[in-house]
Amino acid sequence: MNPASASLHAALVAAYEPYVRQAMVTRGLATPPAVVDAVQEGRVWLEGALHTLLALPFEAQRRSPLEVFQEALRFPTESIRETGVPPVLRDDAARRALPGDLYDLAPASSRDLGDSAWQAHLGWGVAKAKEVAGVVPAGAASPPEPTPPRPPRRPVVALVGADLMDRSRIEPAVLGAGLALEVWRNPAALEAGLAGPLPVVVLVDLTHPSADTAIREAAGAGIRTYAFGPHVDDIALGRARSLGATDAVARSRFFRTLPDLLPKLA
């Protein structure tokens, strides 16, 4: 396992139990002994599953580490379900993306897991992007461990979408450009994202229920906004442009040109 992958493995495993416990407190979910045991079981499973994934060469990794983390939440989720707690209300996009996430425990981004996990995820993404692009010379020395405890916040690219496959293709490109990805998967996340420091770019999946609102508000805030959707849906693409999108293109073209849409950091 390369250094970036090893760091990410350790950070995600360490973040698992604190994140789950805090998420359950936030959602008002009880933690009887059976659920506590399930959380520990999930951490053990996560440790092994992540090791299996991250020990592979970058180009052979067919899932993202965040997807594996999300899957590990099935252990506490099932235990909570067995106590008779009804599922929480979620929007259609969230249900389609993560049908088994009955209590909305899954993190939308590694930023939700704390600064250590987020920085490790950024480092892993940069290492993966460089290796896959073939720009790292063979035998190059591993980068030194970052010394500042809290590096400056990287510029953010926001994604309005709930498709995990899309996210797994977008995130490496964003991280490889030295940026951070923030996922706005529901109206509350969209509102919070536009209330704080604004992202440098907003990417909008036109099949998302909040697509029109996201384009209108992001464009109105002066943010470069790119929309993508099915190539056969000319009406949706035209509507996105009319709402203020910088551009709206078919999904295939969007993923082909994505690196060109991201800002180049000095």
C-alpha atoms as a PDB file:
ATOM      1  CA  MET A   1       0.000   0.000   0.000  1.00  0.00           C
ATOM      2  CA  ASN A   2       1.445   3.384  -0.983  1.00  0.00           C
ATOM      3  CA  PRO A   3       1.869   6.127   1.679  1.00  0.00           C
ATOM      4  CA  ALA A   4      -1.149   8.158   0.568  1.00  0.00           C
ATOM      5  CA  SER A   5      -3.397   5.099   0.644  1.00  0.00           C
ATOM      6  CA  ALA A   6      -2.026   3.990   4.022  1.00  0.00           C
ATOM      7  CA  SER A   7      -2.691   7.446   5.481  1.00  0.00           C
ATOM      8  CA  LEU A   8      -6.238   7.451   4.113  1.00  0.00           C
ATOM      9  CA  HIS A   9      -6.874   3.936   5.442  1.00  0.00           C
ATOM     10  CA  ALA A  10      -5.802   4.927   8.950  1.00  0.00           C
ATOM     11  CA  ALA A  11      -7.734   8.212   8.893  1.00  0.00           C
ATOM     12  CA  LEU A  12     -11.022   6.700   7.708  1.00  0.00           C
ATOM     13  CA  VAL A  13     -10.885   3.817  10.183  1.00  0.00           C
ATOM     14  CA  ALA A  14     -10.114   6.261  13.022  1.00  0.00           C
ATOM     15  CA  ALA A  15     -12.975   8.541  11.973  1.00  0.00           C
ATOM     16  CA  TYR A  16     -15.611   5.811  11.722  1.00  0.00           C
ATOM     17  CA  GLU A  17     -16.787   5.350  15.327  1.00  0.00           C
ATOM     18  CA  PRO A  18     -16.681   9.059  16.325  1.00  0.00           C
ATOM     19  CA  TYR A  19     -18.526  10.006  13.132  1.00  0.00           C
ATOM     20  CA  VAL A  20     -21.251   7.378  13.564  1.00  0.00           C
ATOM     21  CA  ARG A  21     -21.798   8.211  17.231  1.00  0.00           C
ATOM     22  CA  GLN A  22     -22.077  11.943  16.470  1.00  0.00           C
ATOM     23  CA  ALA A  23     -24.372  11.307  13.499  1.00  0.00           C
ATOM     24  CA  MET A  24     -26.684   9.248  15.698  1.00  0.00           C
ATOM     25  CA  VAL A  25     -26.755  11.943  18.370  1.00  0.00           C
ATOM     26  CA  THR A  26     -27.522  14.595  15.750  1.00  0.00           C
ATOM     27  CA  ARG A  27     -30.405  12.512  14.382  1.00  0.00           C
ATOM     28  CA  GLY A  28     -31.779  11.707  17.848  1.00  0.00           C
ATOM     29  CA  LEU A  29     -31.095   7.965  17.562  1.00  0.00           C
ATOM     30  CA  ALA A  30     -30.581   5.881  20.684  1.00  0.00           C
ATOM     31  CA  THR A  31     -27.450   3.759  21.168  1.00  0.00           C
ATOM     32  CA  PRO A  32     -28.406   0.602  23.088  1.00  0.00           C
ATOM     33  CA  PRO A  33     -25.664  -2.016  23.590  1.00  0.00           C
ATOM     34  CA  ALA A  34     -26.634  -3.907  20.416  1.00  0.00           C
ATOM     35  CA  VAL A  35     -26.167  -0.774  18.317  1.00  0.00           C
ATOM     36  CA  VAL A  36     -22.847   0.028  20.016  1.00  0.00           C
ATOM     37  CA  ASP A  37     -21.666  -3.501  19.151  1.00  0.00           C
ATOM     38  CA  ALA A  38     -22.820  -3.009  15.554  1.00  0.00           C
ATOM     39  CA  VAL A  39     -20.798   0.209  15.282  1.00  0.00           C
ATOM     40  CA  GLN A  40     -17.686  -1.662  16.418  1.00  0.00           C
ATOM     41  CA  GLU A  41     -18.464  -4.455  13.952  1.00  0.00           C
ATOM     42  CA  GLY A  42     -18.757  -1.884  11.184  1.00  0.00           C
ATOM     43  CA  ARG A  43     -15.360  -0.434  12.056  1.00  0.00           C
ATOM     44  CA  VAL A  44     -13.741  -3.875  11.890  1.00  0.00           C
ATOM     45  CA  TRP A  45     -15.385  -4.567   8.529  1.00  0.00           C
ATOM     46  CA  LEU A  46     -14.338  -1.138   7.232  1.00  0.00           C
ATOM     47  CA  GLU A  47     -10.713  -1.737   8.220  1.00  0.00           C
ATOM     48  CA  GLY A  48     -10.554  -4.962   6.203  1.00  0.00           C
ATOM     49  CA  ALA A  49     -12.569  -3.744   3.206  1.00  0.00           C
ATOM     50  CA  LEU A  50     -10.555  -0.538   2.897  1.00  0.00           C
ATOM     51  CA  HIS A  51      -7.299  -2.461   3.134  1.00  0.00           C
ATOM     52  CA  THR A  52      -8.398  -4.745   0.307  1.00  0.00           C
ATOM     53  CA  LEU A  53      -9.354  -1.769  -1.874  1.00  0.00           C
ATOM     54  CA  LEU A  54      -6.422   0.533  -1.140  1.00  0.00           C
ATOM     55  CA  ALA A  55      -3.813  -2.219  -1.476  1.00  0.00           C
ATOM     56  CA  LEU A  56      -4.727  -2.403  -5.182  1.00  0.00           C
ATOM     57  CA  PRO A  57      -2.969  -0.212  -7.767  1.00  0.00           C
ATOM     58  CA  PHE A  58      -4.877   3.029  -8.289  1.00  0.00           C
ATOM     59  CA  GLU A  59      -6.063   2.053 -11.757  1.00  0.00           C
ATOM     60  CA  ALA A  60      -7.526  -1.209 -10.411  1.00  0.00           C
ATOM     61  CA  GLN A  61      -9.625   0.454  -7.698  1.00  0.00           C
ATOM     62  CA  ARG A  62     -13.208   0.266  -8.989  1.00  0.00           C
ATOM     63  CA  ARG A  63     -14.791   1.924  -5.955  1.00  0.00           C
ATOM     64  CA  SER A  64     -13.987   5.059  -4.018  1.00  0.00           C
ATOM     65  CA  PRO A  65     -12.901   4.841  -0.352  1.00  0.00           C
ATOM     66  CA  LEU A  66     -15.870   7.027   0.593  1.00  0.00           C
ATOM     67  CA  GLU A  67     -18.261   4.477  -0.957  1.00  0.00           C
ATOM     68  CA  VAL A  68     -16.691   1.752   1.192  1.00  0.00           C
ATOM     69  CA  PHE A  69     -17.087   3.977   4.259  1.00  0.00           C
ATOM     70  CA  GLN A  70     -20.748   4.516   3.369  1.00  0.00           C
ATOM     71  CA  GLU A  71     -21.271   0.762   2.980  1.00  0.00           C
ATOM     72  CA  ALA A  72     -19.821   0.154   6.452  1.00  0.00           C
ATOM     73  CA  LEU A  73     -22.795   2.040   7.871  1.00  0.00           C
ATOM     74  CA  ARG A  74     -25.047  -0.917   7.031  1.00  0.00           C
ATOM     75  CA  PHE A  75     -24.015  -2.507  10.353  1.00  0.00           C
ATOM     76  CA  PRO A  76     -25.411   0.199  12.680  1.00  0.00           C
ATOM     77  CA  THR A  77     -28.266   0.860  10.237  1.00  0.00           C
ATOM     78  CA  GLU A  78     -29.476  -2.741  10.416  1.00  0.00           C
ATOM     79  CA  SER A  79     -29.093  -2.799  14.196  1.00  0.00           C
ATOM     80  CA  ILE A  80     -31.141   0.403  14.545  1.00  0.00           C
ATOM     81  CA  ARG A  81     -33.802  -1.024  12.218  1.00  0.00           C
ATOM     82  CA  GLU A  82     -34.061  -4.132  14.400  1.00  0.00           C
ATOM     83  CA  THR A  83     -34.918  -1.941  17.399  1.00  0.00           C
ATOM     84  CA  GLY A  84     -38.053  -0.820  15.559  1.00  0.00           C
ATOM     85  CA  VAL A  85     -37.020   2.746  14.694  1.00  0.00           C
ATOM     86  CA  PRO A  86     -38.822   3.859  11.493  1.00  0.00           C
ATOM     87  CA  PRO A  87     -36.690   5.167   8.600  1.00  0.00           C
ATOM     88  CA  VAL A  88     -36.276   8.932   8.339  1.00  0.00           C
ATOM     89  CA  LEU A  89     -37.735  10.964   5.489  1.00  0.00           C
ATOM     90  CA  ARG A  90     -35.295  11.440   2.607  1.00  0.00           C
ATOM     91  CA  ASP A  91     -35.696  13.021  -0.808  1.00  0.00           C
ATOM     92  CA  ASP A  92     -35.971  10.851  -3.934  1.00  0.00           C
ATOM     93  CA  ALA A  93     -32.411  11.574  -5.056  1.00  0.00           C
ATOM     94  CA  ALA A  94     -30.960  10.440  -1.723  1.00  0.00           C
ATOM     95  CA  ARG A  95     -33.047   7.269  -1.761  1.00  0.00           C
ATOM     96  CA  ARG A  96     -31.922   6.416  -5.286  1.00  0.00           C
ATOM     97  CA  ALA A  97     -28.257   7.040  -4.502  1.00  0.00           C
ATOM     98  CA  LEU A  98     -28.170   5.178  -1.170  1.00  0.00           C
ATOM     99  CA  PRO A  99     -31.314   3.056  -0.842  1.00  0.00           C
ATOM    100  CA  GLY A 100     -30.042   1.262   2.265  1.00  0.00           C
ATOM    101  CA  ASP A 101     -29.200   4.450   4.187  1.00  0.00           C
ATOM    102  CA  LEU A 102     -32.479   4.336   6.129  1.00  0.00           C
ATOM    103  CA  TYR A 103     -31.398   6.825   8.804  1.00  0.00           C
ATOM    104  CA  ASP A 104     -29.373   9.230   6.636  1.00  0.00           C
ATOM    105  CA  LEU A 105     -26.121   8.246   8.340  1.00  0.00           C
ATOM    106  CA  ALA A 106     -23.931   8.172   5.221  1.00  0.00           C
ATOM    107  CA  PRO A 107     -21.555  11.141   4.835  1.00  0.00           C
ATOM    108  CA  ALA A 108     -21.946  13.121   1.622  1.00  0.00           C
ATOM    109  CA  SER A 109     -18.254  14.019   1.589  1.00  0.00           C
ATOM    110  CA  SER A 110     -15.037  13.215   3.432  1.00  0.00           C
ATOM    111  CA  ARG A 111     -15.287  16.767   4.846  1.00  0.00           C
ATOM    112  CA  ASP A 112     -18.065  15.387   7.077  1.00  0.00           C
ATOM    113  CA  LEU A 113     -15.557  13.019   8.721  1.00  0.00           C
ATOM    114  CA  GLY A 114     -13.284  15.666  10.210  1.00  0.00           C
ATOM    115  CA  ASP A 115     -10.172  17.515   9.125  1.00  0.00           C
ATOM    116  CA  SER A 116      -7.763  14.554   9.366  1.00  0.00           C
ATOM    117  CA  ALA A 117      -9.890  12.303   7.152  1.00  0.00           C
ATOM    118  CA  TRP A 118     -10.524  15.122   4.690  1.00  0.00           C
ATOM    119  CA  GLN A 119      -6.835  16.011   4.344  1.00  0.00           C
ATOM    120  CA  ALA A 120      -5.927  12.329   3.927  1.00  0.00           C
ATOM    121  CA  HIS A 121      -8.599  12.000   1.236  1.00  0.00           C
ATOM    122  CA  LEU A 122      -7.214  15.055  -0.570  1.00  0.00           C
ATOM    123  CA  GLY A 123      -3.688  13.603  -0.446  1.00  0.00           C
ATOM    124  CA  TRP A 124      -4.903  10.257  -1.767  1.00  0.00           C
ATOM    125  CA  GLY A 125      -6.828  11.950  -4.589  1.00  0.00           C
ATOM    126  CA  VAL A 126      -3.814  13.979  -5.666  1.00  0.00           C
ATOM    127  CA  ALA A 127      -1.575  10.883  -5.588  1.00  0.00           C
ATOM    128  CA  LYS A 128      -4.106   8.905  -7.612  1.00  0.00           C
ATOM    129  CA  ALA A 129      -4.556  11.635 -10.201  1.00  0.00           C
ATOM    130  CA  LYS A 130      -0.801  11.975 -10.683  1.00  0.00           C
ATOM    131  CA  GLU A 131      -0.191   8.245 -11.000  1.00  0.00           C
ATOM    132  CA  VAL A 132      -3.089   7.610 -13.354  1.00  0.00           C
ATOM    133  CA  ALA A 133      -1.971  10.549 -15.489  1.00  0.00           C
ATOM    134  CA  GLY A 134       1.533   9.135 -15.593  1.00  0.00           C
ATOM    135  CA  VAL A 135       3.202  12.278 -14.311  1.00  0.00           C
ATOM    136  CA  VAL A 136       4.958  10.735 -11.319  1.00  0.00           C
ATOM    137  CA  PRO A 137       8.439   9.437 -12.218  1.00  0.00           C
ATOM    138  CA  ALA A 138       9.170   5.851 -11.249  1.00  0.00           C
ATOM    139  CA  GLY A 139      10.893   5.668  -7.905  1.00  0.00           C
ATOM    140  CA  ALA A 140       9.942   9.194  -6.930  1.00  0.00           C
ATOM    141  CA  ALA A 141      10.196   9.836  -3.219  1.00  0.00           C
ATOM    142  CA  SER A 142       7.004  10.007  -1.211  1.00  0.00           C
ATOM    143  CA  PRO A 143       5.952  13.559  -0.333  1.00  0.00           C
ATOM    144  CA  PRO A 144       6.751  14.577   3.233  1.00  0.00           C
ATOM    145  CA  GLU A 145       3.990  14.520   5.812  1.00  0.00           C
ATOM    146  CA  PRO A 146       2.239  17.917   6.041  1.00  0.00           C
ATOM    147  CA  THR A 147       3.475  19.859   9.033  1.00  0.00           C
ATOM    148  CA  PRO A 148       0.744  22.469   9.586  1.00  0.00           C
ATOM    149  CA  PRO A 149      -2.002  21.024  11.817  1.00  0.00           C
ATOM    150  CA  ARG A 150      -4.633  22.960   9.859  1.00  0.00           C
ATOM    151  CA  PRO A 151      -3.652  23.773   6.274  1.00  0.00           C
ATOM    152  CA  PRO A 152      -5.465  26.660   4.573  1.00  0.00           C
ATOM    153  CA  ARG A 153      -8.875  25.715   3.247  1.00  0.00           C
ATOM    154  CA  ARG A 154      -8.700  24.737  -0.404  1.00  0.00           C
ATOM    155  CA  PRO A 155     -11.054  26.355  -2.918  1.00  0.00           C
ATOM    156  CA  VAL A 156     -14.239  24.327  -3.163  1.00  0.00           C
ATOM    157  CA  VAL A 157     -16.076  22.886  -6.136  1.00  0.00           C
ATOM    158  CA  ALA A 158     -19.713  22.098  -5.275  1.00  0.00           C
ATOM    159  CA  LEU A 159     -21.593  19.206  -6.855  1.00  0.00           C
ATOM    160  CA  VAL A 160     -25.372  19.200  -6.851  1.00  0.00           C
ATOM    161  CA  GLY A 161     -26.029  15.523  -7.445  1.00  0.00           C
ATOM    162  CA  ALA A 162     -26.668  12.219  -5.731  1.00  0.00           C
ATOM    163  CA  ASP A 163     -25.272   9.681  -8.205  1.00  0.00           C
ATOM    164  CA  LEU A 164     -22.316   7.879  -6.574  1.00  0.00           C
ATOM    165  CA  MET A 165     -20.860   6.854  -9.926  1.00  0.00           C
ATOM    166  CA  ASP A 166     -20.811  10.471 -11.096  1.00  0.00           C
ATOM    167  CA  ARG A 167     -19.214  11.512  -7.812  1.00  0.00           C
ATOM    168  CA  SER A 168     -16.516   8.851  -8.138  1.00  0.00           C
ATOM    169  CA  ARG A 169     -15.558  10.279 -11.554  1.00  0.00           C
ATOM    170  CA  ILE A 170     -15.738  13.933 -10.540  1.00  0.00           C
ATOM    171  CA  GLU A 171     -13.892  13.757  -7.220  1.00  0.00           C
ATOM    172  CA  PRO A 172     -10.488  12.572  -8.565  1.00  0.00           C
ATOM    173  CA  ALA A 173     -10.488  15.372 -11.158  1.00  0.00           C
ATOM    174  CA  VAL A 174     -11.356  17.972  -8.516  1.00  0.00           C
ATOM    175  CA  LEU A 175      -8.796  16.717  -6.001  1.00  0.00           C
ATOM    176  CA  GLY A 176      -6.179  16.397  -8.732  1.00  0.00           C
ATOM    177  CA  ALA A 177      -6.669  20.087  -9.553  1.00  0.00           C
ATOM    178  CA  GLY A 178      -5.833  20.973  -5.958  1.00  0.00           C
ATOM    179  CA  LEU A 179      -9.450  21.752  -5.102  1.00  0.00           C
ATOM    180  CA  ALA A 180     -11.915  20.256  -2.635  1.00  0.00           C
ATOM    181  CA  LEU A 181     -15.266  18.702  -3.507  1.00  0.00           C
ATOM    182  CA  GLU A 182     -18.389  19.536  -1.527  1.00  0.00           C
ATOM    183  CA  VAL A 183     -21.591  17.624  -2.326  1.00  0.00           C
ATOM    184  CA  TRP A 184     -24.920  19.416  -2.004  1.00  0.00           C
ATOM    185  CA  ARG A 185     -27.295  16.477  -2.156  1.00  0.00           C
ATOM    186  CA  ASN A 186     -30.456  18.100  -0.786  1.00  0.00           C
ATOM    187  CA  PRO A 187     -32.021  21.582  -0.438  1.00  0.00           C
ATOM    188  CA  ALA A 188     -30.646  22.048   3.084  1.00  0.00           C
ATOM    189  CA  ALA A 189     -27.084  21.397   1.913  1.00  0.00           C
ATOM    190  CA  LEU A 190     -27.600  23.772  -1.012  1.00  0.00           C
ATOM    191  CA  GLU A 191     -28.838  26.531   1.294  1.00  0.00           C
ATOM    192  CA  ALA A 192     -25.959  26.002   3.737  1.00  0.00           C
ATOM    193  CA  GLY A 193     -23.387  25.942   0.941  1.00  0.00           C
ATOM    194  CA  LEU A 194     -24.546  29.264  -0.475  1.00  0.00           C
ATOM    195  CA  ALA A 195     -24.707  30.837   2.988  1.00  0.00           C
ATOM    196  CA  GLY A 196     -21.000  30.306   3.739  1.00  0.00           C
ATOM    197  CA  PRO A 197     -17.800  30.902   1.757  1.00  0.00           C
ATOM    198  CA  LEU A 198     -18.868  30.430  -1.872  1.00  0.00           C
ATOM    199  CA  PRO A 199     -17.410  27.683  -4.079  1.00  0.00           C
ATOM    200  CA  VAL A 200     -15.392  28.633  -7.138  1.00  0.00           C
ATOM    201  CA  VAL A 201     -17.480  26.380  -9.411  1.00  0.00           C
ATOM    202  CA  VAL A 202     -20.838  24.631  -9.081  1.00  0.00           C
ATOM    203  CA  LEU A 203     -21.529  21.446 -11.065  1.00  0.00           C
ATOM    204  CA  VAL A 204     -25.200  20.512 -11.417  1.00  0.00           C
ATOM    205  CA  ASP A 205     -26.707  17.180 -12.432  1.00  0.00           C
ATOM    206  CA  LEU A 206     -29.914  18.161 -14.244  1.00  0.00           C
ATOM    207  CA  THR A 207     -31.678  15.009 -13.037  1.00  0.00           C
ATOM    208  CA  HIS A 208     -31.368  16.199  -9.427  1.00  0.00           C
ATOM    209  CA  PRO A 209     -34.607  17.617  -7.922  1.00  0.00           C
ATOM    210  CA  SER A 210     -32.825  20.805  -6.827  1.00  0.00           C
ATOM    211  CA  ALA A 211     -31.127  21.413 -10.200  1.00  0.00           C
ATOM    212  CA  ASP A 212     -33.140  24.473 -11.248  1.00  0.00           C
ATOM    213  CA  THR A 213     -32.858  26.145  -7.853  1.00  0.00           C
ATOM    214  CA  ALA A 214     -29.138  25.421  -7.666  1.00  0.00           C
ATOM    215  CA  ILE A 215     -28.446  26.915 -11.107  1.00  0.00           C
ATOM    216  CA  ARG A 216     -30.556  30.010 -10.496  1.00  0.00           C
ATOM    217  CA  GLU A 217     -29.064  30.753  -7.068  1.00  0.00           C
ATOM    218  CA  ALA A 218     -25.443  29.857  -7.864  1.00  0.00           C
ATOM    219  CA  ALA A 219     -25.471  31.854 -11.100  1.00  0.00           C
ATOM    220  CA  GLY A 220     -27.187  34.710  -9.275  1.00  0.00           C
ATOM    221  CA  ALA A 221     -24.327  34.705  -6.765  1.00  0.00           C
ATOM    222  CA  GLY A 222     -21.846  35.095  -9.624  1.00  0.00           C
ATOM    223  CA  ILE A 223     -20.484  31.536  -9.440  1.00  0.00           C
ATOM    224  CA  ARG A 224     -19.459  29.727 -12.615  1.00  0.00           C
ATOM    225  CA  THR A 225     -22.122  27.038 -12.959  1.00  0.00           C
ATOM    226  CA  TYR A 226     -21.944  24.052 -15.303  1.00  0.00           C
ATOM    227  CA  ALA A 227     -24.915  21.746 -15.798  1.00  0.00           C
ATOM    228  CA  PHE A 228     -24.949  18.280 -17.342  1.00  0.00           C
ATOM    229  CA  GLY A 229     -27.697  15.854 -18.261  1.00  0.00           C
ATOM    230  CA  PRO A 230     -28.915  13.274 -20.776  1.00  0.00           C
ATOM    231  CA  HIS A 231     -28.000  14.231 -24.331  1.00  0.00           C
ATOM    232  CA  VAL A 232     -31.568  13.602 -25.480  1.00  0.00           C
ATOM    233  CA  ASP A 233     -33.033  16.153 -23.054  1.00  0.00           C
ATOM    234  CA  ASP A 234     -32.552  19.329 -25.056  1.00  0.00           C
ATOM    235  CA  ILE A 235     -35.307  21.045 -23.086  1.00  0.00           C
ATOM    236  CA  ALA A 236     -33.497  20.580 -19.771  1.00  0.00           C
ATOM    237  CA  LEU A 237     -30.198  21.756 -21.248  1.00  0.00           C
ATOM    238  CA  GLY A 238     -31.863  24.852 -22.710  1.00  0.00           C
ATOM    239  CA  ARG A 239     -33.668  25.591 -19.449  1.00  0.00           C
ATOM    240  CA  ALA A 240     -30.394  25.396 -17.549  1.00  0.00           C
ATOM    241  CA  ARG A 241     -28.834  28.002 -19.831  1.00  0.00           C
ATOM    242  CA  SER A 242     -31.881  30.228 -19.467  1.00  0.00           C
ATOM    243  CA  LEU A 243     -31.576  30.014 -15.675  1.00  0.00           C
ATOM    244  CA  GLY A 244     -28.028  31.362 -15.874  1.00  0.00           C
ATOM    245  CA  ALA A 245     -25.768  28.321 -16.243  1.00  0.00           C
ATOM    246  CA  THR A 246     -22.388  29.171 -17.715  1.00  0.00           C
ATOM    247  CA  ASP A 247     -22.909  26.140 -19.942  1.00  0.00           C
ATOM    248  CA  ALA A 248     -25.131  23.070 -20.080  1.00  0.00           C
ATOM    249  CA  VAL A 249     -23.958  20.010 -21.982  1.00  0.00           C
ATOM    250  CA  ALA A 250     -24.641  16.324 -22.439  1.00  0.00           C
ATOM    251  CA  ARG A 251     -23.254  14.029 -19.745  1.00  0.00           C
ATOM    252  CA  SER A 252     -20.672  12.416 -22.051  1.00  0.00           C
ATOM    253  CA  ARG A 253     -19.245  15.776 -23.101  1.00  0.00           C
ATOM    254  CA  PHE A 254     -19.245  17.032 -19.519  1.00  0.00           C
ATOM    255  CA  PHE A 255     -17.044  14.202 -18.253  1.00  0.00           C
ATOM    256  CA  ARG A 256     -14.762  14.478 -21.288  1.00  0.00           C
ATOM    257  CA  THR A 257     -14.156  18.215 -20.721  1.00  0.00           C
ATOM    258  CA  LEU A 258     -14.387  18.328 -16.899  1.00  0.00           C
ATOM    259  CA  PRO A 259     -10.679  19.140 -16.297  1.00  0.00           C
ATOM    260  CA  ASP A 260     -11.040  22.213 -18.528  1.00  0.00           C
ATOM    261  CA  LEU A 261     -13.970  23.510 -16.471  1.00  0.00           C
ATOM    262  CA  LEU A 262     -11.975  23.617 -13.234  1.00  0.00           C
ATOM    263  CA  PRO A 263      -9.929  26.698 -12.298  1.00  0.00           C
ATOM    264  CA  LYS A 264      -6.172  26.511 -12.621  1.00  0.00           C
ATOM    265  CA  LEU A 265      -4.562  27.413  -9.335  1.00  0.00           C
ATOM    266  CA  ALA A 266      -1.495  29.613  -9.459  1.00  0.00           C
END
